[in-house]
Amino acid sequence: MTTTRGGKRDGAGRKRGLASIKAEEARKYVVQRVADELESILTAQIDMAKGIYHEVQNGQENIRVYQRLPDSKVAEYLINQAIGKPKEFTELKVEERHEVDPATKAKINRILGIGQ
């Protein structure tokens, strides 16, 4: 009689339910639709970032009259997708100071090898 300890067992694990199969099919469908329409989606996002306008001749100069103002959030999103999101830095300002007593300071210097 052989006993198995660990390892893969045939038929073990959670069975795939109908809901997970349907969800996977739905995801594949959405991915395919987005891929099919990617050019027009990207064009629309760029148009939103730039704003939709037409130019009007006003004497000697052309003036932009916006039908939809540029959307800075869409522009930021597109730039972040293209070149990556910048790292955020937080400036920390500490105003409270504590003096170290000379005995502790001497121990720290001795451990770090300072002043030997």
PDB file of N, CA and C in Angstrom:
ATOM      1  N   MET A   1       0.844  -1.171   0.000  1.00  0.00           N
ATOM      2  CA  MET A   1       0.000   0.000   0.000  1.00  0.00           C
ATOM      3  C   MET A   1       0.891   1.236   0.000  1.00  0.00           C
ATOM      4  N   THR A   2       0.729   2.087  -0.998  1.00  0.00           N
ATOM      5  CA  THR A   2       1.530   3.302  -1.074  1.00  0.00           C
ATOM      6  C   THR A   2       0.703   4.486  -0.619  1.00  0.00           C
ATOM      7  N   THR A   3       1.373   5.344   0.088  1.00  0.00           N
ATOM      8  CA  THR A   3       0.717   6.575   0.519  1.00  0.00           C
ATOM      9  C   THR A   3       1.446   7.741  -0.131  1.00  0.00           C
ATOM     10  N   THR A   4       0.685   8.721  -0.514  1.00  0.00           N
ATOM     11  CA  THR A   4       1.297   9.911  -1.098  1.00  0.00           C
ATOM     12  C   THR A   4       1.256  11.017  -0.068  1.00  0.00           C
ATOM     13  N   ARG A   5       2.355  11.721  -0.012  1.00  0.00           N
ATOM     14  CA  ARG A   5       2.435  12.833   0.930  1.00  0.00           C
ATOM     15  C   ARG A   5       2.732  14.095   0.126  1.00  0.00           C
ATOM     16  N   GLY A   6       1.752  14.947   0.026  1.00  0.00           N
ATOM     17  CA  GLY A   6       1.935  16.204  -0.674  1.00  0.00           C
ATOM     18  C   GLY A   6       1.899  16.024  -2.181  1.00  0.00           C
ATOM     19  N   GLY A   7       2.137  17.105  -2.870  1.00  0.00           N
ATOM     20  CA  GLY A   7       2.156  17.056  -4.325  1.00  0.00           C
ATOM     21  C   GLY A   7       0.777  17.219  -4.926  1.00  0.00           C
ATOM     22  N   LYS A   8       0.757  17.229  -6.249  1.00  0.00           N
ATOM     23  CA  LYS A   8      -0.484  17.437  -6.974  1.00  0.00           C
ATOM     24  C   LYS A   8      -1.328  16.168  -6.949  1.00  0.00           C
ATOM     25  N   ARG A   9      -2.627  16.344  -6.720  1.00  0.00           N
ATOM     26  CA  ARG A   9      -3.553  15.224  -6.760  1.00  0.00           C
ATOM     27  C   ARG A   9      -4.578  15.504  -7.844  1.00  0.00           C
ATOM     28  N   ASP A  10      -4.833  14.526  -8.675  1.00  0.00           N
ATOM     29  CA  ASP A  10      -5.820  14.688  -9.741  1.00  0.00           C
ATOM     30  C   ASP A  10      -7.203  14.910  -9.153  1.00  0.00           C
ATOM     31  N   GLY A  11      -7.891  15.903  -9.678  1.00  0.00           N
ATOM     32  CA  GLY A  11      -9.254  16.182  -9.249  1.00  0.00           C
ATOM     33  C   GLY A  11      -9.356  17.017  -7.988  1.00  0.00           C
ATOM     34  N   ALA A  12      -8.217  17.400  -7.411  1.00  0.00           N
ATOM     35  CA  ALA A  12      -8.246  18.193  -6.182  1.00  0.00           C
ATOM     36  C   ALA A  12      -8.466  19.666  -6.512  1.00  0.00           C
ATOM     37  N   GLY A  13      -8.871  20.430  -5.531  1.00  0.00           N
ATOM     38  CA  GLY A  13      -9.032  21.867  -5.704  1.00  0.00           C
ATOM     39  C   GLY A  13     -10.465  22.260  -5.982  1.00  0.00           C
ATOM     40  N   ARG A  14     -10.683  23.553  -5.975  1.00  0.00           N
ATOM     41  CA  ARG A  14     -12.024  24.087  -6.181  1.00  0.00           C
ATOM     42  C   ARG A  14     -12.426  23.919  -7.637  1.00  0.00           C
ATOM     43  N   LYS A  15     -13.637  23.489  -7.843  1.00  0.00           N
ATOM     44  CA  LYS A  15     -14.155  23.302  -9.196  1.00  0.00           C
ATOM     45  C   LYS A  15     -14.557  24.643  -9.784  1.00  0.00           C
ATOM     46  N   ARG A  16     -14.323  24.813 -11.064  1.00  0.00           N
ATOM     47  CA  ARG A  16     -14.699  26.051 -11.737  1.00  0.00           C
ATOM     48  C   ARG A  16     -16.212  26.107 -11.864  1.00  0.00           C
ATOM     49  N   GLY A  17     -16.775  27.164 -11.319  1.00  0.00           N
ATOM     50  CA  GLY A  17     -18.219  27.321 -11.358  1.00  0.00           C
ATOM     51  C   GLY A  17     -18.660  28.068 -12.606  1.00  0.00           C
ATOM     52  N   LEU A  18     -19.938  28.045 -12.867  1.00  0.00           N
ATOM     53  CA  LEU A  18     -20.503  28.702 -14.034  1.00  0.00           C
ATOM     54  C   LEU A  18     -20.271  30.211 -13.982  1.00  0.00           C
ATOM     55  N   ALA A  19     -20.349  30.791 -12.777  1.00  0.00           N
ATOM     56  CA  ALA A  19     -20.172  32.249 -12.655  1.00  0.00           C
ATOM     57  C   ALA A  19     -18.766  32.667 -13.051  1.00  0.00           C
ATOM     58  N   SER A  20     -17.746  31.906 -12.633  1.00  0.00           N
ATOM     59  CA  SER A  20     -16.377  32.290 -12.984  1.00  0.00           C
ATOM     60  C   SER A  20     -16.109  32.093 -14.471  1.00  0.00           C
ATOM     61  N   ILE A  21     -16.715  31.088 -15.063  1.00  0.00           N
ATOM     62  CA  ILE A  21     -16.562  30.868 -16.506  1.00  0.00           C
ATOM     63  C   ILE A  21     -17.214  32.018 -17.272  1.00  0.00           C
ATOM     64  N   LYS A  22     -18.407  32.428 -16.853  1.00  0.00           N
ATOM     65  CA  LYS A  22     -19.102  33.546 -17.507  1.00  0.00           C
ATOM     66  C   LYS A  22     -18.321  34.850 -17.347  1.00  0.00           C
ATOM     67  N   ALA A  23     -17.763  35.080 -16.156  1.00  0.00           N
ATOM     68  CA  ALA A  23     -16.986  36.299 -15.914  1.00  0.00           C
ATOM     69  C   ALA A  23     -15.742  36.323 -16.801  1.00  0.00           C
ATOM     70  N   GLU A  24     -15.091  35.181 -16.961  1.00  0.00           N
ATOM     71  CA  GLU A  24     -13.910  35.109 -17.824  1.00  0.00           C
ATOM     72  C   GLU A  24     -14.278  35.378 -19.279  1.00  0.00           C
ATOM     73  N   GLU A  25     -15.387  34.850 -19.726  1.00  0.00           N
ATOM     74  CA  GLU A  25     -15.856  35.107 -21.090  1.00  0.00           C
ATOM     75  C   GLU A  25     -16.182  36.591 -21.275  1.00  0.00           C
ATOM     76  N   ALA A  26     -16.803  37.205 -20.256  1.00  0.00           N
ATOM     77  CA  ALA A  26     -17.139  38.627 -20.331  1.00  0.00           C
ATOM     78  C   ALA A  26     -15.871  39.473 -20.410  1.00  0.00           C
ATOM     79  N   ARG A  27     -14.842  39.132 -19.612  1.00  0.00           N
ATOM     80  CA  ARG A  27     -13.572  39.875 -19.660  1.00  0.00           C
ATOM     81  C   ARG A  27     -12.936  39.765 -21.039  1.00  0.00           C
ATOM     82  N   LYS A  28     -12.945  38.572 -21.623  1.00  0.00           N
ATOM     83  CA  LYS A  28     -12.378  38.387 -22.965  1.00  0.00           C
ATOM     84  C   LYS A  28     -13.121  39.245 -23.981  1.00  0.00           C
ATOM     85  N   TYR A  29     -14.459  39.304 -23.846  1.00  0.00           N
ATOM     86  CA  TYR A  29     -15.269  40.116 -24.755  1.00  0.00           C
ATOM     87  C   TYR A  29     -14.923  41.599 -24.626  1.00  0.00           C
ATOM     88  N   VAL A  30     -14.802  42.085 -23.371  1.00  0.00           N
ATOM     89  CA  VAL A  30     -14.482  43.503 -23.141  1.00  0.00           C
ATOM     90  C   VAL A  30     -13.095  43.826 -23.697  1.00  0.00           C
ATOM     91  N   VAL A  31     -12.123  42.950 -23.459  1.00  0.00           N
ATOM     92  CA  VAL A  31     -10.768  43.177 -23.968  1.00  0.00           C
ATOM     93  C   VAL A  31     -10.785  43.250 -25.486  1.00  0.00           C
ATOM     94  N   GLN A  32     -11.528  42.363 -26.126  1.00  0.00           N
ATOM     95  CA  GLN A  32     -11.589  42.363 -27.593  1.00  0.00           C
ATOM     96  C   GLN A  32     -12.257  43.635 -28.118  1.00  0.00           C
ATOM     97  N   ARG A  33     -13.350  44.061 -27.485  1.00  0.00           N
ATOM     98  CA  ARG A  33     -14.038  45.283 -27.927  1.00  0.00           C
ATOM     99  C   ARG A  33     -13.146  46.499 -27.778  1.00  0.00           C
ATOM    100  N   VAL A  34     -12.449  46.616 -26.639  1.00  0.00           N
ATOM    101  CA  VAL A  34     -11.556  47.752 -26.419  1.00  0.00           C
ATOM    102  C   VAL A  34     -10.425  47.723 -27.444  1.00  0.00           C
ATOM    103  N   ALA A  35      -9.878  46.542 -27.712  1.00  0.00           N
ATOM    104  CA  ALA A  35      -8.808  46.427 -28.699  1.00  0.00           C
ATOM    105  C   ALA A  35      -9.298  46.855 -30.079  1.00  0.00           C
ATOM    106  N   ASP A  36     -10.529  46.481 -30.428  1.00  0.00           N
ATOM    107  CA  ASP A  36     -11.090  46.858 -31.731  1.00  0.00           C
ATOM    108  C   ASP A  36     -11.285  48.365 -31.852  1.00  0.00           C
ATOM    109  N   GLU A  37     -11.637  49.035 -30.756  1.00  0.00           N
ATOM    110  CA  GLU A  37     -11.942  50.462 -30.761  1.00  0.00           C
ATOM    111  C   GLU A  37     -10.812  51.325 -30.197  1.00  0.00           C
ATOM    112  N   LEU A  38      -9.643  50.752 -30.015  1.00  0.00           N
ATOM    113  CA  LEU A  38      -8.563  51.457 -29.325  1.00  0.00           C
ATOM    114  C   LEU A  38      -8.187  52.776 -30.001  1.00  0.00           C
ATOM    115  N   GLU A  39      -8.105  52.796 -31.306  1.00  0.00           N
ATOM    116  CA  GLU A  39      -7.725  54.025 -32.019  1.00  0.00           C
ATOM    117  C   GLU A  39      -8.721  55.150 -31.753  1.00  0.00           C
ATOM    118  N   SER A  40     -10.021  54.858 -31.851  1.00  0.00           N
ATOM    119  CA  SER A  40     -11.017  55.907 -31.637  1.00  0.00           C
ATOM    120  C   SER A  40     -11.091  56.316 -30.161  1.00  0.00           C
ATOM    121  N   ILE A  41     -10.883  55.367 -29.241  1.00  0.00           N
ATOM    122  CA  ILE A  41     -10.890  55.702 -27.813  1.00  0.00           C
ATOM    123  C   ILE A  41      -9.731  56.629 -27.494  1.00  0.00           C
ATOM    124  N   LEU A  42      -8.549  56.295 -28.000  1.00  0.00           N
ATOM    125  CA  LEU A  42      -7.373  57.125 -27.752  1.00  0.00           C
ATOM    126  C   LEU A  42      -7.536  58.514 -28.369  1.00  0.00           C
ATOM    127  N   THR A  43      -8.080  58.576 -29.562  1.00  0.00           N
ATOM    128  CA  THR A  43      -8.323  59.864 -30.212  1.00  0.00           C
ATOM    129  C   THR A  43      -9.290  60.706 -29.382  1.00  0.00           C
ATOM    130  N   ALA A  44     -10.344  60.092 -28.868  1.00  0.00           N
ATOM    131  CA  ALA A  44     -11.321  60.819 -28.045  1.00  0.00           C
ATOM    132  C   ALA A  44     -10.682  61.328 -26.759  1.00  0.00           C
ATOM    133  N   GLN A  45      -9.826  60.506 -26.138  1.00  0.00           N
ATOM    134  CA  GLN A  45      -9.157  60.956 -24.906  1.00  0.00           C
ATOM    135  C   GLN A  45      -8.219  62.121 -25.190  1.00  0.00           C
ATOM    136  N   ILE A  46      -7.502  62.052 -26.287  1.00  0.00           N
ATOM    137  CA  ILE A  46      -6.600  63.154 -26.645  1.00  0.00           C
ATOM    138  C   ILE A  46      -7.402  64.411 -26.934  1.00  0.00           C
ATOM    139  N   ASP A  47      -8.528  64.272 -27.621  1.00  0.00           N
ATOM    140  CA  ASP A  47      -9.398  65.427 -27.874  1.00  0.00           C
ATOM    141  C   ASP A  47      -9.900  66.038 -26.565  1.00  0.00           C
ATOM    142  N   MET A  48     -10.253  65.184 -25.593  1.00  0.00           N
ATOM    143  CA  MET A  48     -10.701  65.705 -24.295  1.00  0.00           C
ATOM    144  C   MET A  48      -9.571  66.430 -23.579  1.00  0.00           C
ATOM    145  N   ALA A  49      -8.350  65.900 -23.689  1.00  0.00           N
ATOM    146  CA  ALA A  49      -7.201  66.526 -23.034  1.00  0.00           C
ATOM    147  C   ALA A  49      -6.894  67.883 -23.661  1.00  0.00           C
ATOM    148  N   LYS A  50      -7.025  67.973 -24.975  1.00  0.00           N
ATOM    149  CA  LYS A  50      -6.727  69.222 -25.680  1.00  0.00           C
ATOM    150  C   LYS A  50      -7.904  70.184 -25.678  1.00  0.00           C
ATOM    151  N   GLY A  51      -9.101  69.659 -25.499  1.00  0.00           N
ATOM    152  CA  GLY A  51     -10.288  70.498 -25.588  1.00  0.00           C
ATOM    153  C   GLY A  51     -10.793  70.516 -27.028  1.00  0.00           C
ATOM    154  N   ILE A  52     -12.065  70.769 -27.182  1.00  0.00           N
ATOM    155  CA  ILE A  52     -12.653  70.822 -28.518  1.00  0.00           C
ATOM    156  C   ILE A  52     -12.962  72.276 -28.816  1.00  0.00           C
ATOM    157  N   TYR A  53     -12.412  72.771 -29.899  1.00  0.00           N
ATOM    158  CA  TYR A  53     -12.544  74.189 -30.222  1.00  0.00           C
ATOM    159  C   TYR A  53     -12.595  74.375 -31.739  1.00  0.00           C
ATOM    160  N   HIS A  54     -12.992  75.564 -32.124  1.00  0.00           N
ATOM    161  CA  HIS A  54     -12.846  75.976 -33.513  1.00  0.00           C
ATOM    162  C   HIS A  54     -12.249  77.385 -33.499  1.00  0.00           C
ATOM    163  N   GLU A  55     -11.531  77.688 -34.541  1.00  0.00           N
ATOM    164  CA  GLU A  55     -10.862  78.992 -34.595  1.00  0.00           C
ATOM    165  C   GLU A  55     -11.741  79.994 -35.322  1.00  0.00           C
ATOM    166  N   VAL A  56     -11.786  81.209 -34.762  1.00  0.00           N
ATOM    167  CA  VAL A  56     -12.593  82.280 -35.319  1.00  0.00           C
ATOM    168  C   VAL A  56     -11.657  83.424 -35.688  1.00  0.00           C
ATOM    169  N   GLN A  57     -11.848  83.972 -36.865  1.00  0.00           N
ATOM    170  CA  GLN A  57     -11.043  85.114 -37.313  1.00  0.00           C
ATOM    171  C   GLN A  57     -11.586  86.374 -36.647  1.00  0.00           C
ATOM    172  N   ASN A  58     -10.715  87.077 -35.925  1.00  0.00           N
ATOM    173  CA  ASN A  58     -11.102  88.308 -35.250  1.00  0.00           C
ATOM    174  C   ASN A  58     -10.124  89.393 -35.698  1.00  0.00           C
ATOM    175  N   GLY A  59     -10.458  90.063 -36.758  1.00  0.00           N
ATOM    176  CA  GLY A  59      -9.563  91.085 -37.288  1.00  0.00           C
ATOM    177  C   GLY A  59      -8.314  90.439 -37.856  1.00  0.00           C
ATOM    178  N   GLN A  60      -7.162  90.704 -37.247  1.00  0.00           N
ATOM    179  CA  GLN A  60      -5.888  90.184 -37.727  1.00  0.00           C
ATOM    180  C   GLN A  60      -5.500  88.839 -37.101  1.00  0.00           C
ATOM    181  N   GLU A  61      -6.225  88.403 -36.048  1.00  0.00           N
ATOM    182  CA  GLU A  61      -5.795  87.198 -35.334  1.00  0.00           C
ATOM    183  C   GLU A  61      -6.886  86.132 -35.289  1.00  0.00           C
ATOM    184  N   ASN A  62      -6.421  84.887 -35.109  1.00  0.00           N
ATOM    185  CA  ASN A  62      -7.348  83.772 -34.913  1.00  0.00           C
ATOM    186  C   ASN A  62      -7.540  83.568 -33.422  1.00  0.00           C
ATOM    187  N   ILE A  63      -8.774  83.351 -33.020  1.00  0.00           N
ATOM    188  CA  ILE A  63      -9.104  83.126 -31.619  1.00  0.00           C
ATOM    189  C   ILE A  63      -9.751  81.751 -31.498  1.00  0.00           C
ATOM    190  N   ARG A  64      -9.332  80.996 -30.495  1.00  0.00           N
ATOM    191  CA  ARG A  64      -9.945  79.691 -30.246  1.00  0.00           C
ATOM    192  C   ARG A  64     -11.205  79.878 -29.410  1.00  0.00           C
ATOM    193  N   VAL A  65     -12.301  79.331 -29.886  1.00  0.00           N
ATOM    194  CA  VAL A  65     -13.552  79.322 -29.133  1.00  0.00           C
ATOM    195  C   VAL A  65     -13.808  77.872 -28.757  1.00  0.00           C
ATOM    196  N   TYR A  66     -13.741  77.605 -27.455  1.00  0.00           N
ATOM    197  CA  TYR A  66     -13.861  76.228 -26.980  1.00  0.00           C
ATOM    198  C   TYR A  66     -15.311  75.808 -26.838  1.00  0.00           C
ATOM    199  N   GLN A  67     -15.635  74.650 -27.393  1.00  0.00           N
ATOM    200  CA  GLN A  67     -16.929  74.022 -27.142  1.00  0.00           C
ATOM    201  C   GLN A  67     -16.822  73.160 -25.881  1.00  0.00           C
ATOM    202  N   ARG A  68     -15.644  72.586 -25.665  1.00  0.00           N
ATOM    203  CA  ARG A  68     -15.364  71.825 -24.442  1.00  0.00           C
ATOM    204  C   ARG A  68     -13.946  72.182 -24.011  1.00  0.00           C
ATOM    205  N   LEU A  69     -13.806  72.678 -22.771  1.00  0.00           N
ATOM    206  CA  LEU A  69     -12.506  73.089 -22.262  1.00  0.00           C
ATOM    207  C   LEU A  69     -11.575  71.893 -22.116  1.00  0.00           C
ATOM    208  N   PRO A  70     -10.266  72.127 -22.217  1.00  0.00           N
ATOM    209  CA  PRO A  70      -9.316  71.025 -22.008  1.00  0.00           C
ATOM    210  C   PRO A  70      -9.473  70.436 -20.608  1.00  0.00           C
ATOM    211  N   ASP A  71      -9.343  69.133 -20.506  1.00  0.00           N
ATOM    212  CA  ASP A  71      -9.485  68.430 -19.237  1.00  0.00           C
ATOM    213  C   ASP A  71      -8.093  68.015 -18.758  1.00  0.00           C
ATOM    214  N   SER A  72      -7.599  68.680 -17.719  1.00  0.00           N
ATOM    215  CA  SER A  72      -6.243  68.426 -17.243  1.00  0.00           C
ATOM    216  C   SER A  72      -6.100  67.038 -16.636  1.00  0.00           C
ATOM    217  N   LYS A  73      -7.160  66.489 -16.064  1.00  0.00           N
ATOM    218  CA  LYS A  73      -7.089  65.143 -15.481  1.00  0.00           C
ATOM    219  C   LYS A  73      -6.855  64.098 -16.570  1.00  0.00           C
ATOM    220  N   VAL A  74      -7.527  64.246 -17.701  1.00  0.00           N
ATOM    221  CA  VAL A  74      -7.331  63.309 -18.809  1.00  0.00           C
ATOM    222  C   VAL A  74      -5.914  63.459 -19.359  1.00  0.00           C
ATOM    223  N   ALA A  75      -5.450  64.697 -19.482  1.00  0.00           N
ATOM    224  CA  ALA A  75      -4.083  64.930 -19.970  1.00  0.00           C
ATOM    225  C   ALA A  75      -3.067  64.301 -19.022  1.00  0.00           C
ATOM    226  N   GLU A  76      -3.264  64.483 -17.722  1.00  0.00           N
ATOM    227  CA  GLU A  76      -2.355  63.895 -16.725  1.00  0.00           C
ATOM    228  C   GLU A  76      -2.366  62.369 -16.813  1.00  0.00           C
ATOM    229  N   TYR A  77      -3.541  61.790 -16.974  1.00  0.00           N
ATOM    230  CA  TYR A  77      -3.656  60.342 -17.093  1.00  0.00           C
ATOM    231  C   TYR A  77      -2.896  59.835 -18.312  1.00  0.00           C
ATOM    232  N   LEU A  78      -3.079  60.493 -19.454  1.00  0.00           N
ATOM    233  CA  LEU A  78      -2.402  60.061 -20.679  1.00  0.00           C
ATOM    234  C   LEU A  78      -0.884  60.178 -20.549  1.00  0.00           C
ATOM    235  N   ILE A  79      -0.417  61.258 -19.960  1.00  0.00           N
ATOM    236  CA  ILE A  79       1.028  61.436 -19.768  1.00  0.00           C
ATOM    237  C   ILE A  79       1.565  60.372 -18.817  1.00  0.00           C
ATOM    238  N   ASN A  80       0.844  60.105 -17.732  1.00  0.00           N
ATOM    239  CA  ASN A  80       1.276  59.066 -16.797  1.00  0.00           C
ATOM    240  C   ASN A  80       1.331  57.702 -17.465  1.00  0.00           C
ATOM    241  N   GLN A  81       0.393  57.425 -18.361  1.00  0.00           N
ATOM    242  CA  GLN A  81       0.410  56.148 -19.074  1.00  0.00           C
ATOM    243  C   GLN A  81       1.584  56.078 -20.033  1.00  0.00           C
ATOM    244  N   ALA A  82       1.930  57.200 -20.641  1.00  0.00           N
ATOM    245  CA  ALA A  82       2.995  57.208 -21.642  1.00  0.00           C
ATOM    246  C   ALA A  82       4.383  57.170 -21.016  1.00  0.00           C
ATOM    247  N   ILE A  83       4.615  57.979 -19.974  1.00  0.00           N
ATOM    248  CA  ILE A  83       5.974  58.078 -19.435  1.00  0.00           C
ATOM    249  C   ILE A  83       6.080  57.661 -17.980  1.00  0.00           C
ATOM    250  N   GLY A  84       4.997  57.274 -17.367  1.00  0.00           N
ATOM    251  CA  GLY A  84       5.035  56.816 -15.976  1.00  0.00           C
ATOM    252  C   GLY A  84       4.668  57.929 -15.015  1.00  0.00           C
ATOM    253  N   LYS A  85       4.120  57.521 -13.901  1.00  0.00           N
ATOM    254  CA  LYS A  85       3.699  58.487 -12.882  1.00  0.00           C
ATOM    255  C   LYS A  85       4.927  58.953 -12.113  1.00  0.00           C
ATOM    256  N   PRO A  86       5.062  60.269 -11.918  1.00  0.00           N
ATOM    257  CA  PRO A  86       6.230  60.750 -11.172  1.00  0.00           C
ATOM    258  C   PRO A  86       6.152  60.347  -9.710  1.00  0.00           C
ATOM    259  N   LYS A  87       7.329  60.179  -9.107  1.00  0.00           N
ATOM    260  CA  LYS A  87       7.376  59.854  -7.687  1.00  0.00           C
ATOM    261  C   LYS A  87       6.964  61.084  -6.891  1.00  0.00           C
ATOM    262  N   GLU A  88       6.230  60.834  -5.822  1.00  0.00           N
ATOM    263  CA  GLU A  88       5.778  61.936  -4.978  1.00  0.00           C
ATOM    264  C   GLU A  88       6.725  62.075  -3.796  1.00  0.00           C
ATOM    265  N   PHE A  89       7.172  63.287  -3.556  1.00  0.00           N
ATOM    266  CA  PHE A  89       8.069  63.551  -2.453  1.00  0.00           C
ATOM    267  C   PHE A  89       7.327  64.340  -1.381  1.00  0.00           C
ATOM    268  N   THR A  90       7.589  63.996  -0.149  1.00  0.00           N
ATOM    269  CA  THR A  90       6.988  64.696   0.980  1.00  0.00           C
ATOM    270  C   THR A  90       8.101  65.359   1.767  1.00  0.00           C
ATOM    271  N   GLU A  91       7.951  66.644   1.983  1.00  0.00           N
ATOM    272  CA  GLU A  91       8.958  67.372   2.749  1.00  0.00           C
ATOM    273  C   GLU A  91       8.586  67.299   4.218  1.00  0.00           C
ATOM    274  N   LEU A  92       9.534  66.883   5.022  1.00  0.00           N
ATOM    275  CA  LEU A  92       9.311  66.744   6.443  1.00  0.00           C
ATOM    276  C   LEU A  92      10.127  67.801   7.158  1.00  0.00           C
ATOM    277  N   LYS A  93       9.461  68.576   7.973  1.00  0.00           N
ATOM    278  CA  LYS A  93      10.133  69.645   8.688  1.00  0.00           C
ATOM    279  C   LYS A  93      10.029  69.352  10.185  1.00  0.00           C
ATOM    280  N   VAL A  94      11.182  69.191  10.826  1.00  0.00           N
ATOM    281  CA  VAL A  94      11.228  68.910  12.254  1.00  0.00           C
ATOM    282  C   VAL A  94      11.787  70.133  12.953  1.00  0.00           C
ATOM    283  N   GLU A  95      11.019  70.659  13.865  1.00  0.00           N
ATOM    284  CA  GLU A  95      11.447  71.875  14.559  1.00  0.00           C
ATOM    285  C   GLU A  95      11.931  71.594  15.973  1.00  0.00           C
ATOM    286  N   GLU A  96      11.483  70.507  16.569  1.00  0.00           N
ATOM    287  CA  GLU A  96      11.851  70.207  17.941  1.00  0.00           C
ATOM    288  C   GLU A  96      13.208  69.514  17.970  1.00  0.00           C
ATOM    289  N   ARG A  97      14.105  70.003  18.811  1.00  0.00           N
ATOM    290  CA  ARG A  97      15.444  69.420  18.921  1.00  0.00           C
ATOM    291  C   ARG A  97      15.685  68.968  20.344  1.00  0.00           C
ATOM    292  N   HIS A  98      16.377  67.864  20.472  1.00  0.00           N
ATOM    293  CA  HIS A  98      16.757  67.348  21.782  1.00  0.00           C
ATOM    294  C   HIS A  98      18.271  67.214  21.813  1.00  0.00           C
ATOM    295  N   GLU A  99      18.852  67.712  22.873  1.00  0.00           N
ATOM    296  CA  GLU A  99      20.300  67.589  23.041  1.00  0.00           C
ATOM    297  C   GLU A  99      20.624  66.218  23.625  1.00  0.00           C
ATOM    298  N   VAL A 100      21.707  65.627  23.123  1.00  0.00           N
ATOM    299  CA  VAL A 100      22.169  64.344  23.634  1.00  0.00           C
ATOM    300  C   VAL A 100      23.186  64.623  24.728  1.00  0.00           C
ATOM    301  N   ASP A 101      23.026  63.918  25.853  1.00  0.00           N
ATOM    302  CA  ASP A 101      23.960  64.171  26.949  1.00  0.00           C
ATOM    303  C   ASP A 101      25.361  63.696  26.552  1.00  0.00           C
ATOM    304  N   PRO A 102      26.400  64.307  27.085  1.00  0.00           N
ATOM    305  CA  PRO A 102      27.779  64.007  26.678  1.00  0.00           C
ATOM    306  C   PRO A 102      28.167  62.541  26.823  1.00  0.00           C
ATOM    307  N   ALA A 103      27.694  61.847  27.847  1.00  0.00           N
ATOM    308  CA  ALA A 103      28.045  60.438  28.037  1.00  0.00           C
ATOM    309  C   ALA A 103      27.482  59.585  26.895  1.00  0.00           C
ATOM    310  N   THR A 104      26.230  59.820  26.525  1.00  0.00           N
ATOM    311  CA  THR A 104      25.615  59.079  25.423  1.00  0.00           C
ATOM    312  C   THR A 104      26.299  59.419  24.105  1.00  0.00           C
ATOM    313  N   LYS A 105      26.633  60.696  23.927  1.00  0.00           N
ATOM    314  CA  LYS A 105      27.314  61.128  22.711  1.00  0.00           C
ATOM    315  C   LYS A 105      28.680  60.445  22.589  1.00  0.00           C
ATOM    316  N   ALA A 106      29.388  60.295  23.702  1.00  0.00           N
ATOM    317  CA  ALA A 106      30.689  59.622  23.693  1.00  0.00           C
ATOM    318  C   ALA A 106      30.527  58.152  23.319  1.00  0.00           C
ATOM    319  N   LYS A 107      29.472  57.482  23.830  1.00  0.00           N
ATOM    320  CA  LYS A 107      29.222  56.081  23.485  1.00  0.00           C
ATOM    321  C   LYS A 107      28.933  55.932  21.993  1.00  0.00           C
ATOM    322  N   ILE A 108      28.116  56.836  21.448  1.00  0.00           N
ATOM    323  CA  ILE A 108      27.780  56.798  20.016  1.00  0.00           C
ATOM    324  C   ILE A 108      29.040  56.992  19.186  1.00  0.00           C
ATOM    325  N   ASN A 109      29.867  57.969  19.565  1.00  0.00           N
ATOM    326  CA  ASN A 109      31.105  58.222  18.830  1.00  0.00           C
ATOM    327  C   ASN A 109      32.044  57.018  18.896  1.00  0.00           C
ATOM    328  N   ARG A 110      32.093  56.357  20.060  1.00  0.00           N
ATOM    329  CA  ARG A 110      32.949  55.196  20.209  1.00  0.00           C
ATOM    330  C   ARG A 110      32.444  54.051  19.314  1.00  0.00           C
ATOM    331  N   ILE A 111      31.140  53.842  19.263  1.00  0.00           N
ATOM    332  CA  ILE A 111      30.561  52.781  18.420  1.00  0.00           C
ATOM    333  C   ILE A 111      30.816  53.073  16.955  1.00  0.00           C
ATOM    334  N   LEU A 112      30.656  54.323  16.541  1.00  0.00           N
ATOM    335  CA  LEU A 112      30.854  54.699  15.144  1.00  0.00           C
ATOM    336  C   LEU A 112      32.326  54.873  14.776  1.00  0.00           C
ATOM    337  N   GLY A 113      33.193  54.892  15.784  1.00  0.00           N
ATOM    338  CA  GLY A 113      34.624  55.046  15.506  1.00  0.00           C
ATOM    339  C   GLY A 113      35.012  56.471  15.215  1.00  0.00           C
ATOM    340  N   ILE A 114      34.259  57.425  15.729  1.00  0.00           N
ATOM    341  CA  ILE A 114      34.536  58.834  15.496  1.00  0.00           C
ATOM    342  C   ILE A 114      35.420  59.345  16.615  1.00  0.00           C
ATOM    343  N   GLY A 115      36.467  60.104  16.262  1.00  0.00           N
ATOM    344  CA  GLY A 115      37.320  60.747  17.249  1.00  0.00           C
ATOM    345  C   GLY A 115      38.309  59.831  17.931  1.00  0.00           C
ATOM    346  N   GLN A 116      38.675  58.746  17.260  1.00  0.00           N
ATOM    347  CA  GLN A 116      39.654  57.833  17.869  1.00  0.00           C
ATOM    348  C   GLN A 116      41.027  58.088  17.341  1.00  0.00           C
TER     349      GLN A 116
END
